[in-house]
Amino acid sequence: MVAVLAFAAGYAASSLTPQAPPQAVQVQGSVQVTLLNDREYYPVLLHVLSRANKSIHIAMFMYKTDTDVIERITELLISKSRQGVDVRVVLENSVDVNELAYRRLRDAGIPVRFDTRARTTHAKLVIVDGKIVIVGSHNFTYSAMERNHEASVMLVSDRLASIEEKYFEAIWGGG
């Protein structure tokens, strides 16, 4: 269903130029879809994280905290956690650069886990307040945010966020 929504949003927004700001497209009633290609992802991510007031749940394949760009994400997560937002992060355990992010988040009091060695968590998933889902190809790396061609979508939907929350909880629980 997500693929259908993303395709429909892409088709509906096909007249956008790559430099155009992201625009939301209503698809299937109450689902709002925003395409986040290349450099569109990072400012939207920061905006959404900054407005979180209940929860931020992240499953990330690569979280490389060696630049100011990614440090802004980390600082925002720490700040939100200190404000009482439920921030939890699952990282892929086979990616060496994730160790620094793991330690940085853990030392700040954020519950963070490596996934089980039986599975590879290749997901790039952010769920905010049980309503917003950002999913796609963007890792938390400077290259993904500033250099690579990447394609992600932001879905605003209680129903889809609920499905992804269950998926996140399964990963969090080692499934």
N, C-alpha and C. Protein backbone atom coordinates (compact mmCIF):
# COMPACT_ATOMS: atom_id res chain seq x y z
N MET A 1 0.81 -1.19 0.00
CA MET A 1 0.00 0.00 0.00
C MET A 1 0.86 1.26 0.00
N VAL A 2 1.94 1.26 0.80
CA VAL A 2 2.83 2.42 0.84
C VAL A 2 3.41 2.69 -0.53
N ALA A 3 3.79 1.61 -1.24
CA ALA A 3 4.35 1.78 -2.58
C ALA A 3 3.31 2.40 -3.51
N VAL A 4 2.07 1.99 -3.39
CA VAL A 4 1.01 2.56 -4.21
C VAL A 4 0.84 4.04 -3.89
N LEU A 5 0.85 4.37 -2.59
CA LEU A 5 0.72 5.77 -2.19
C LEU A 5 1.88 6.61 -2.70
N ALA A 6 3.09 6.09 -2.57
CA ALA A 6 4.26 6.81 -3.04
C ALA A 6 4.21 7.01 -4.55
N PHE A 7 3.80 5.97 -5.29
CA PHE A 7 3.68 6.10 -6.74
C PHE A 7 2.63 7.14 -7.10
N ALA A 8 1.49 7.07 -6.43
CA ALA A 8 0.42 8.02 -6.73
C ALA A 8 0.86 9.44 -6.41
N ALA A 9 1.55 9.62 -5.31
CA ALA A 9 2.03 10.95 -4.96
C ALA A 9 3.05 11.42 -5.98
N GLY A 10 3.92 10.54 -6.39
CA GLY A 10 4.92 10.90 -7.40
C GLY A 10 4.27 11.25 -8.72
N TYR A 11 3.27 10.49 -9.10
CA TYR A 11 2.55 10.76 -10.35
C TYR A 11 1.84 12.11 -10.26
N ALA A 12 1.20 12.35 -9.13
CA ALA A 12 0.46 13.60 -8.96
C ALA A 12 1.40 14.80 -8.91
N ALA A 13 2.60 14.60 -8.40
CA ALA A 13 3.55 15.69 -8.25
C ALA A 13 4.61 15.69 -9.34
N SER A 14 4.37 14.98 -10.43
CA SER A 14 5.40 14.81 -11.46
C SER A 14 5.81 16.11 -12.12
N SER A 15 5.04 17.17 -11.97
CA SER A 15 5.42 18.43 -12.58
C SER A 15 6.41 19.22 -11.73
N LEU A 16 6.73 18.73 -10.53
CA LEU A 16 7.68 19.42 -9.67
C LEU A 16 9.09 19.30 -10.22
N THR A 17 9.85 20.36 -10.12
CA THR A 17 11.26 20.29 -10.49
C THR A 17 12.04 19.79 -9.29
N PRO A 18 13.25 19.25 -9.49
CA PRO A 18 14.04 18.75 -8.36
C PRO A 18 14.32 19.81 -7.31
N GLN A 19 14.37 21.09 -7.68
CA GLN A 19 14.65 22.16 -6.72
C GLN A 19 13.40 22.68 -6.02
N ALA A 20 12.24 22.26 -6.43
CA ALA A 20 11.01 22.74 -5.81
C ALA A 20 10.92 22.23 -4.38
N PRO A 21 10.36 23.04 -3.48
CA PRO A 21 10.21 22.56 -2.10
C PRO A 21 9.22 21.40 -2.06
N PRO A 22 9.35 20.52 -1.06
CA PRO A 22 8.43 19.39 -0.98
C PRO A 22 6.99 19.88 -0.82
N GLN A 23 6.10 19.21 -1.50
CA GLN A 23 4.69 19.55 -1.40
C GLN A 23 3.90 18.30 -1.03
N ALA A 24 3.00 18.46 -0.09
CA ALA A 24 2.17 17.35 0.33
C ALA A 24 1.10 17.08 -0.71
N VAL A 25 0.77 15.81 -0.86
CA VAL A 25 -0.27 15.39 -1.79
C VAL A 25 -1.23 14.50 -1.01
N GLN A 26 -2.54 14.81 -1.08
CA GLN A 26 -3.53 13.96 -0.42
C GLN A 26 -3.78 12.73 -1.28
N VAL A 27 -3.62 11.57 -0.69
CA VAL A 27 -3.83 10.31 -1.40
C VAL A 27 -4.67 9.42 -0.51
N GLN A 28 -5.66 8.76 -1.07
CA GLN A 28 -6.49 7.81 -0.35
C GLN A 28 -7.09 8.43 0.92
N GLY A 29 -7.79 9.50 0.76
CA GLY A 29 -8.52 10.09 1.87
C GLY A 29 -7.65 10.82 2.87
N SER A 30 -7.40 10.19 4.01
CA SER A 30 -6.75 10.90 5.11
C SER A 30 -5.24 10.76 5.14
N VAL A 31 -4.62 10.16 4.14
CA VAL A 31 -3.17 10.01 4.12
C VAL A 31 -2.56 11.18 3.34
N GLN A 32 -1.65 11.89 3.99
CA GLN A 32 -0.93 12.96 3.32
C GLN A 32 0.47 12.45 3.01
N VAL A 33 0.90 12.57 1.77
CA VAL A 33 2.19 12.07 1.32
C VAL A 33 3.03 13.25 0.85
N THR A 34 4.26 13.33 1.34
CA THR A 34 5.21 14.33 0.88
C THR A 34 6.45 13.62 0.38
N LEU A 35 6.80 13.87 -0.87
CA LEU A 35 8.02 13.29 -1.43
C LEU A 35 9.22 14.07 -0.93
N LEU A 36 10.25 13.35 -0.52
CA LEU A 36 11.46 13.96 0.02
C LEU A 36 12.67 13.43 -0.74
N ASN A 37 12.96 14.07 -1.85
CA ASN A 37 14.09 13.65 -2.67
C ASN A 37 15.32 14.47 -2.34
N ASP A 38 16.45 13.79 -2.32
CA ASP A 38 17.74 14.44 -2.14
C ASP A 38 17.76 15.37 -0.94
N ARG A 39 18.02 16.67 -1.15
CA ARG A 39 18.18 17.64 -0.06
C ARG A 39 16.88 18.05 0.61
N GLU A 40 15.75 17.60 0.12
CA GLU A 40 14.47 17.95 0.74
C GLU A 40 14.27 17.25 2.09
N TYR A 41 14.91 16.12 2.28
CA TYR A 41 14.70 15.29 3.47
C TYR A 41 15.13 15.99 4.75
N TYR A 42 16.35 16.49 4.78
CA TYR A 42 16.96 16.97 6.02
C TYR A 42 16.17 18.10 6.69
N PRO A 43 15.80 19.18 5.99
CA PRO A 43 15.05 20.23 6.69
C PRO A 43 13.68 19.75 7.18
N VAL A 44 13.05 18.87 6.42
CA VAL A 44 11.76 18.33 6.85
C VAL A 44 11.95 17.47 8.09
N LEU A 45 12.98 16.62 8.09
CA LEU A 45 13.26 15.80 9.27
C LEU A 45 13.48 16.66 10.50
N LEU A 46 14.33 17.68 10.40
CA LEU A 46 14.59 18.56 11.55
C LEU A 46 13.31 19.23 12.02
N HIS A 47 12.48 19.68 11.10
CA HIS A 47 11.23 20.34 11.47
C HIS A 47 10.29 19.37 12.21
N VAL A 48 10.14 18.18 11.66
CA VAL A 48 9.24 17.19 12.27
C VAL A 48 9.76 16.78 13.65
N LEU A 49 11.06 16.51 13.76
CA LEU A 49 11.62 16.14 15.06
C LEU A 49 11.45 17.27 16.08
N SER A 50 11.65 18.49 15.65
CA SER A 50 11.57 19.62 16.58
C SER A 50 10.15 19.82 17.11
N ARG A 51 9.15 19.36 16.37
CA ARG A 51 7.76 19.53 16.80
C ARG A 51 7.22 18.32 17.56
N ALA A 52 8.01 17.27 17.69
CA ALA A 52 7.54 16.07 18.41
C ALA A 52 7.23 16.41 19.86
N ASN A 53 6.13 15.86 20.35
CA ASN A 53 5.81 16.09 21.77
C ASN A 53 5.46 14.82 22.52
N LYS A 54 5.37 13.67 21.83
CA LYS A 54 5.09 12.41 22.52
C LYS A 54 6.18 11.37 22.29
N SER A 55 6.51 11.12 21.02
CA SER A 55 7.44 10.03 20.74
C SER A 55 8.22 10.25 19.45
N ILE A 56 9.44 9.73 19.46
CA ILE A 56 10.28 9.65 18.27
C ILE A 56 10.90 8.26 18.29
N HIS A 57 10.53 7.43 17.34
CA HIS A 57 11.06 6.07 17.25
C HIS A 57 11.79 5.93 15.92
N ILE A 58 13.03 5.46 15.99
CA ILE A 58 13.89 5.42 14.80
C ILE A 58 14.50 4.03 14.67
N ALA A 59 14.45 3.48 13.47
CA ALA A 59 15.21 2.29 13.10
C ALA A 59 16.09 2.73 11.93
N MET A 60 17.41 2.63 12.10
CA MET A 60 18.32 3.21 11.12
C MET A 60 19.47 2.26 10.81
N PHE A 61 19.69 2.05 9.52
CA PHE A 61 20.79 1.21 9.07
C PHE A 61 22.13 1.86 9.39
N MET A 62 22.31 3.13 9.02
CA MET A 62 23.59 3.80 9.26
C MET A 62 23.35 5.17 9.88
N TYR A 63 23.99 5.40 11.03
CA TYR A 63 23.86 6.65 11.76
C TYR A 63 25.29 7.10 12.07
N LYS A 64 25.80 7.97 11.23
CA LYS A 64 27.21 8.38 11.28
C LYS A 64 27.32 9.79 11.83
N THR A 65 27.73 9.90 13.09
CA THR A 65 27.70 11.17 13.83
C THR A 65 28.98 11.99 13.69
N ASP A 66 29.62 11.98 12.55
CA ASP A 66 30.92 12.64 12.43
C ASP A 66 30.87 14.03 11.79
N THR A 67 29.68 14.58 11.59
CA THR A 67 29.56 15.91 10.99
C THR A 67 28.53 16.74 11.75
N ASP A 68 28.61 18.05 11.58
CA ASP A 68 27.63 18.95 12.20
C ASP A 68 26.22 18.67 11.71
N VAL A 69 26.10 18.25 10.46
CA VAL A 69 24.78 17.97 9.87
C VAL A 69 24.08 16.89 10.70
N ILE A 70 24.74 15.80 10.97
CA ILE A 70 24.12 14.70 11.72
C ILE A 70 24.11 15.02 13.21
N GLU A 71 25.07 15.78 13.69
CA GLU A 71 25.07 16.18 15.10
C GLU A 71 23.82 16.99 15.43
N ARG A 72 23.31 17.76 14.48
CA ARG A 72 22.07 18.51 14.72
C ARG A 72 20.91 17.56 15.00
N ILE A 73 20.85 16.45 14.29
CA ILE A 73 19.82 15.44 14.54
C ILE A 73 20.00 14.88 15.94
N THR A 74 21.23 14.50 16.28
CA THR A 74 21.52 13.91 17.58
C THR A 74 21.16 14.87 18.71
N GLU A 75 21.56 16.12 18.58
CA GLU A 75 21.24 17.12 19.62
C GLU A 75 19.74 17.31 19.77
N LEU A 76 19.03 17.27 18.67
CA LEU A 76 17.57 17.40 18.71
C LEU A 76 16.95 16.21 19.43
N LEU A 77 17.44 15.01 19.16
CA LEU A 77 16.93 13.82 19.86
C LEU A 77 17.20 13.91 21.35
N ILE A 78 18.39 14.33 21.71
CA ILE A 78 18.75 14.48 23.13
C ILE A 78 17.87 15.52 23.80
N SER A 79 17.69 16.65 23.14
CA SER A 79 16.85 17.72 23.68
C SER A 79 15.41 17.25 23.88
N LYS A 80 14.88 16.56 22.89
CA LYS A 80 13.51 16.07 23.00
C LYS A 80 13.37 15.03 24.12
N SER A 81 14.36 14.17 24.24
CA SER A 81 14.34 13.18 25.32
C SER A 81 14.32 13.87 26.68
N ARG A 82 15.11 14.90 26.83
CA ARG A 82 15.16 15.64 28.10
C ARG A 82 13.87 16.39 28.39
N GLN A 83 13.09 16.65 27.34
CA GLN A 83 11.78 17.30 27.50
C GLN A 83 10.68 16.28 27.80
N GLY A 84 11.03 15.00 27.88
CA GLY A 84 10.06 13.97 28.21
C GLY A 84 9.49 13.22 27.02
N VAL A 85 9.96 13.51 25.83
CA VAL A 85 9.52 12.77 24.65
C VAL A 85 10.15 11.38 24.69
N ASP A 86 9.37 10.36 24.39
CA ASP A 86 9.85 8.98 24.33
C ASP A 86 10.69 8.80 23.07
N VAL A 87 12.00 8.91 23.21
CA VAL A 87 12.92 8.74 22.10
C VAL A 87 13.58 7.38 22.23
N ARG A 88 13.45 6.55 21.20
CA ARG A 88 14.11 5.24 21.16
C ARG A 88 14.69 5.02 19.78
N VAL A 89 15.87 4.38 19.74
CA VAL A 89 16.57 4.19 18.48
C VAL A 89 17.09 2.76 18.39
N VAL A 90 16.86 2.12 17.24
CA VAL A 90 17.44 0.82 16.94
C VAL A 90 18.41 1.01 15.78
N LEU A 91 19.62 0.50 15.96
CA LEU A 91 20.66 0.61 14.93
C LEU A 91 21.09 -0.76 14.45
N GLU A 92 21.51 -0.82 13.19
CA GLU A 92 22.09 -2.04 12.63
C GLU A 92 23.41 -2.32 13.34
N ASN A 93 23.59 -3.58 13.76
CA ASN A 93 24.78 -3.91 14.55
C ASN A 93 26.01 -4.23 13.71
N SER A 94 25.87 -4.41 12.42
CA SER A 94 27.02 -4.77 11.59
C SER A 94 27.72 -3.57 10.97
N VAL A 95 27.22 -2.37 11.23
CA VAL A 95 27.81 -1.15 10.67
C VAL A 95 28.66 -0.49 11.75
N ASP A 96 29.98 -0.50 11.55
CA ASP A 96 30.91 -0.01 12.57
C ASP A 96 30.65 1.43 13.00
N VAL A 97 30.28 2.31 12.05
CA VAL A 97 30.10 3.72 12.42
C VAL A 97 28.93 3.92 13.38
N ASN A 98 28.05 2.96 13.50
CA ASN A 98 26.91 3.09 14.41
C ASN A 98 27.33 3.05 15.87
N GLU A 99 28.50 2.52 16.17
CA GLU A 99 28.97 2.43 17.54
C GLU A 99 29.07 3.82 18.19
N LEU A 100 29.55 4.80 17.45
CA LEU A 100 29.67 6.15 18.01
C LEU A 100 28.29 6.75 18.30
N ALA A 101 27.35 6.58 17.40
CA ALA A 101 25.99 7.07 17.62
C ALA A 101 25.37 6.34 18.82
N TYR A 102 25.58 5.03 18.87
CA TYR A 102 25.05 4.24 19.99
C TYR A 102 25.54 4.80 21.32
N ARG A 103 26.85 5.01 21.44
CA ARG A 103 27.42 5.52 22.69
C ARG A 103 26.94 6.93 23.00
N ARG A 104 26.87 7.76 21.99
CA ARG A 104 26.45 9.16 22.19
C ARG A 104 25.01 9.21 22.70
N LEU A 105 24.12 8.45 22.09
CA LEU A 105 22.72 8.43 22.52
C LEU A 105 22.57 7.79 23.90
N ARG A 106 23.23 6.67 24.10
CA ARG A 106 23.16 5.97 25.39
C ARG A 106 23.66 6.86 26.51
N ASP A 107 24.79 7.53 26.29
CA ASP A 107 25.37 8.39 27.33
C ASP A 107 24.47 9.58 27.65
N ALA A 108 23.61 9.95 26.71
CA ALA A 108 22.65 11.04 26.93
C ALA A 108 21.35 10.54 27.55
N GLY A 109 21.27 9.23 27.83
CA GLY A 109 20.09 8.67 28.47
C GLY A 109 18.99 8.22 27.52
N ILE A 110 19.28 8.18 26.25
CA ILE A 110 18.28 7.73 25.28
C ILE A 110 18.35 6.22 25.14
N PRO A 111 17.24 5.51 25.29
CA PRO A 111 17.25 4.07 25.05
C PRO A 111 17.63 3.79 23.59
N VAL A 112 18.72 3.07 23.40
CA VAL A 112 19.21 2.74 22.08
C VAL A 112 19.66 1.29 22.10
N ARG A 113 19.39 0.58 21.03
CA ARG A 113 19.75 -0.83 20.93
C ARG A 113 20.33 -1.12 19.56
N PHE A 114 21.17 -2.14 19.54
CA PHE A 114 21.55 -2.73 18.26
C PHE A 114 20.54 -3.83 17.97
N ASP A 115 20.26 -4.02 16.70
CA ASP A 115 19.32 -5.08 16.33
C ASP A 115 19.95 -6.45 16.59
N THR A 116 19.16 -7.45 16.46
CA THR A 116 19.64 -8.81 16.66
C THR A 116 20.60 -9.19 15.53
N ARG A 117 21.59 -9.98 15.84
CA ARG A 117 22.55 -10.41 14.82
C ARG A 117 21.93 -11.35 13.79
N ALA A 118 20.77 -11.90 14.11
CA ALA A 118 20.09 -12.81 13.18
C ALA A 118 19.46 -12.08 11.99
N ARG A 119 19.28 -10.77 12.12
CA ARG A 119 18.64 -9.98 11.06
C ARG A 119 19.48 -8.74 10.77
N THR A 120 19.37 -8.25 9.56
CA THR A 120 19.96 -6.96 9.21
C THR A 120 18.85 -5.93 9.19
N THR A 121 19.01 -4.88 9.97
CA THR A 121 18.05 -3.79 9.95
C THR A 121 18.52 -2.79 8.91
N HIS A 122 17.98 -2.92 7.72
CA HIS A 122 18.34 -2.02 6.63
C HIS A 122 17.34 -0.88 6.52
N ALA A 123 16.39 -0.84 7.43
CA ALA A 123 15.34 0.19 7.42
C ALA A 123 15.94 1.57 7.69
N LYS A 124 15.28 2.56 7.13
CA LYS A 124 15.55 3.96 7.43
C LYS A 124 14.20 4.56 7.78
N LEU A 125 13.81 4.37 9.03
CA LEU A 125 12.44 4.63 9.47
C LEU A 125 12.43 5.58 10.66
N VAL A 126 11.59 6.61 10.57
CA VAL A 126 11.38 7.56 11.66
C VAL A 126 9.87 7.67 11.85
N ILE A 127 9.42 7.49 13.10
CA ILE A 127 7.99 7.61 13.42
C ILE A 127 7.87 8.66 14.52
N VAL A 128 7.05 9.66 14.31
CA VAL A 128 6.91 10.76 15.26
C VAL A 128 5.47 10.89 15.73
N ASP A 129 5.31 10.88 17.04
CA ASP A 129 4.02 11.10 17.70
C ASP A 129 2.92 10.16 17.24
N GLY A 130 3.27 8.97 16.75
CA GLY A 130 2.28 8.01 16.32
C GLY A 130 1.42 8.50 15.18
N LYS A 131 1.95 9.48 14.41
CA LYS A 131 1.16 10.06 13.33
C LYS A 131 1.97 10.27 12.05
N ILE A 132 3.26 10.54 12.19
CA ILE A 132 4.10 10.86 11.04
C ILE A 132 5.13 9.75 10.84
N VAL A 133 5.23 9.26 9.61
CA VAL A 133 6.21 8.25 9.24
C VAL A 133 7.08 8.83 8.14
N ILE A 134 8.40 8.78 8.34
CA ILE A 134 9.33 9.15 7.28
C ILE A 134 10.13 7.89 6.97
N VAL A 135 10.06 7.46 5.72
CA VAL A 135 10.69 6.20 5.33
C VAL A 135 11.24 6.34 3.92
N GLY A 136 12.35 5.68 3.66
CA GLY A 136 12.93 5.74 2.33
C GLY A 136 14.38 5.31 2.34
N SER A 137 15.18 5.97 1.53
CA SER A 137 16.57 5.54 1.37
C SER A 137 17.57 6.34 2.19
N HIS A 138 17.15 7.42 2.82
CA HIS A 138 18.09 8.27 3.56
C HIS A 138 18.57 7.62 4.86
N ASN A 139 19.87 7.36 4.95
CA ASN A 139 20.51 7.03 6.22
C ASN A 139 20.78 8.33 6.95
N PHE A 140 21.16 8.24 8.21
CA PHE A 140 21.60 9.42 8.95
C PHE A 140 23.10 9.57 8.74
N THR A 141 23.47 10.04 7.56
CA THR A 141 24.87 10.29 7.20
C THR A 141 24.93 11.61 6.44
N TYR A 142 26.08 12.24 6.47
CA TYR A 142 26.29 13.46 5.72
C TYR A 142 26.04 13.22 4.22
N SER A 143 26.55 12.11 3.72
CA SER A 143 26.39 11.82 2.29
C SER A 143 24.93 11.72 1.90
N ALA A 144 24.13 11.04 2.71
CA ALA A 144 22.70 10.91 2.39
C ALA A 144 22.00 12.25 2.44
N MET A 145 22.37 13.10 3.40
CA MET A 145 21.70 14.38 3.56
C MET A 145 22.16 15.43 2.56
N GLU A 146 23.43 15.39 2.15
CA GLU A 146 24.00 16.49 1.39
C GLU A 146 24.55 16.14 0.01
N ARG A 147 24.77 14.87 -0.29
CA ARG A 147 25.46 14.55 -1.54
C ARG A 147 24.75 13.54 -2.43
N ASN A 148 24.22 12.48 -1.86
CA ASN A 148 23.67 11.37 -2.65
C ASN A 148 22.34 11.73 -3.29
N HIS A 149 21.98 10.94 -4.29
CA HIS A 149 20.60 10.91 -4.75
C HIS A 149 19.88 9.95 -3.83
N GLU A 150 18.87 10.43 -3.16
CA GLU A 150 18.09 9.65 -2.21
C GLU A 150 16.61 9.93 -2.46
N ALA A 151 15.77 8.97 -2.11
CA ALA A 151 14.33 9.15 -2.27
C ALA A 151 13.61 8.60 -1.04
N SER A 152 12.85 9.46 -0.39
CA SER A 152 12.08 9.07 0.79
C SER A 152 10.69 9.72 0.70
N VAL A 153 9.81 9.30 1.58
CA VAL A 153 8.48 9.90 1.67
C VAL A 153 8.13 10.14 3.13
N MET A 154 7.32 11.16 3.34
CA MET A 154 6.74 11.40 4.66
C MET A 154 5.25 11.14 4.52
N LEU A 155 4.76 10.27 5.37
CA LEU A 155 3.35 9.91 5.40
C LEU A 155 2.74 10.44 6.69
N VAL A 156 1.68 11.17 6.59
CA VAL A 156 0.96 11.64 7.77
C VAL A 156 -0.34 10.87 7.80
N SER A 157 -0.41 9.91 8.74
CA SER A 157 -1.57 9.03 8.83
C SER A 157 -1.50 8.27 10.14
N ASP A 158 -2.51 8.41 10.96
CA ASP A 158 -2.57 7.64 12.21
C ASP A 158 -2.52 6.14 11.92
N ARG A 159 -3.27 5.71 10.90
CA ARG A 159 -3.36 4.29 10.59
C ARG A 159 -2.01 3.71 10.13
N LEU A 160 -1.35 4.39 9.20
CA LEU A 160 -0.05 3.89 8.74
C LEU A 160 1.01 3.99 9.83
N ALA A 161 0.96 5.05 10.62
CA ALA A 161 1.91 5.19 11.73
C ALA A 161 1.72 4.06 12.75
N SER A 162 0.47 3.66 12.98
CA SER A 162 0.20 2.56 13.90
C SER A 162 0.81 1.25 13.40
N ILE A 163 0.71 1.01 12.10
CA ILE A 163 1.31 -0.19 11.51
C ILE A 163 2.83 -0.15 11.67
N GLU A 164 3.42 1.00 11.39
CA GLU A 164 4.87 1.12 11.50
C GLU A 164 5.34 1.08 12.95
N GLU A 165 4.52 1.57 13.88
CA GLU A 165 4.86 1.45 15.31
C GLU A 165 4.96 -0.01 15.72
N LYS A 166 4.03 -0.83 15.24
CA LYS A 166 4.08 -2.27 15.55
C LYS A 166 5.34 -2.89 14.96
N TYR A 167 5.69 -2.49 13.76
CA TYR A 167 6.92 -2.97 13.12
C TYR A 167 8.15 -2.54 13.93
N PHE A 168 8.19 -1.26 14.34
CA PHE A 168 9.29 -0.77 15.16
C PHE A 168 9.39 -1.56 16.46
N GLU A 169 8.27 -1.79 17.12
CA GLU A 169 8.28 -2.53 18.39
C GLU A 169 8.81 -3.94 18.19
N ALA A 170 8.49 -4.55 17.07
CA ALA A 170 9.03 -5.90 16.78
C ALA A 170 10.55 -5.85 16.63
N ILE A 171 11.05 -4.86 15.93
CA ILE A 171 12.51 -4.71 15.79
C ILE A 171 13.12 -4.41 17.17
N TRP A 172 12.50 -3.50 17.89
CA TRP A 172 12.99 -3.13 19.22
C TRP A 172 13.07 -4.35 20.14
N GLY A 173 12.09 -5.24 20.02
CA GLY A 173 12.04 -6.43 20.85
C GLY A 173 12.94 -7.55 20.36
N GLY A 174 13.66 -7.32 19.28
CA GLY A 174 14.60 -8.34 18.79
C GLY A 174 14.04 -9.23 17.72
N GLY A 175 12.90 -8.85 17.17
CA GLY A 175 12.25 -9.68 16.16
C GLY A 175 12.70 -9.42 14.75
